[in-house]
Amino acid sequence: MQATAVTNKELEAIRKIRNSLMHIGRIPSMRELMSSLGYRSPRSASLIVDKLIKKGVLRRKDDGNLQFLKSLGDDTTRAQTVDVPLVGMVSCGAPMLAEENIQAKIPVSTKLAKPPHHYFLLKAKGDSMDQRGIDDGDLVLVRQQTTAKNNDIVVALIDDEATIKEFRIGGEIFILRPRSRNKQHQPIVLTKDFQIQGVVVTTISEF
């Protein structure tokens, strides 16, 4: 298949969109993209977005929101990477990796995202795990699995909300422990009213 040619402006737009996803967890609005690219009209940004949709970089979902599919120009590293979904807000009642929750597909080294396991990326919120090296805004790489061992850092789904905590088993009781210098965070004590979505493999502080 012939390589898709992109202009310098399109590559710049890809970088702006990717940076926005990494740092604030969403694709920029047309006005934000307009401003960051130095345009005077949102229409100019919209035209670039339309071109990126045609070239398979972006996709417009059923709800009208954009999804980031790939970065063009990264072909030299494709053999050593695997596309990992970046998950946004978890929709009420929907599986974490449902289409509406996936914000982007990010190339991650297979040295981190080791096959044959499946992985996803999640943006950490708050400071409840800062003593385990996970700070507010960091990306965490998560290996999908429904079980965990004592002291694993897990992503658990409680009432359709994802939380990152240290996992402990105490007989019939499961404890999700914060590891934070902020003493306001308290352990969450559960029985079976939660789901383990995966185990955190590593933290990505800078992207």
Foldseek 3Di string as FASTA:
>chain_A
DDADDDDPLLLVLLVQQVVCCLQVNAGDDLVVSCVVSVHDDSVVSVVSVVVCCVNVQWDQDPVRGIAGEDRPPPVVCVVFWDWAFEFAQQDQPDPRPPPVGTRYTDTDGCVQVPPPWHKHKYAAADFQAVVVPHHHSKIWIWTFDFDDDAQFFFFKAASRGTDTFGWDDDPQKIWGHGDGPPVVDGIDIDGPRMTTGGTTRDIGHDD
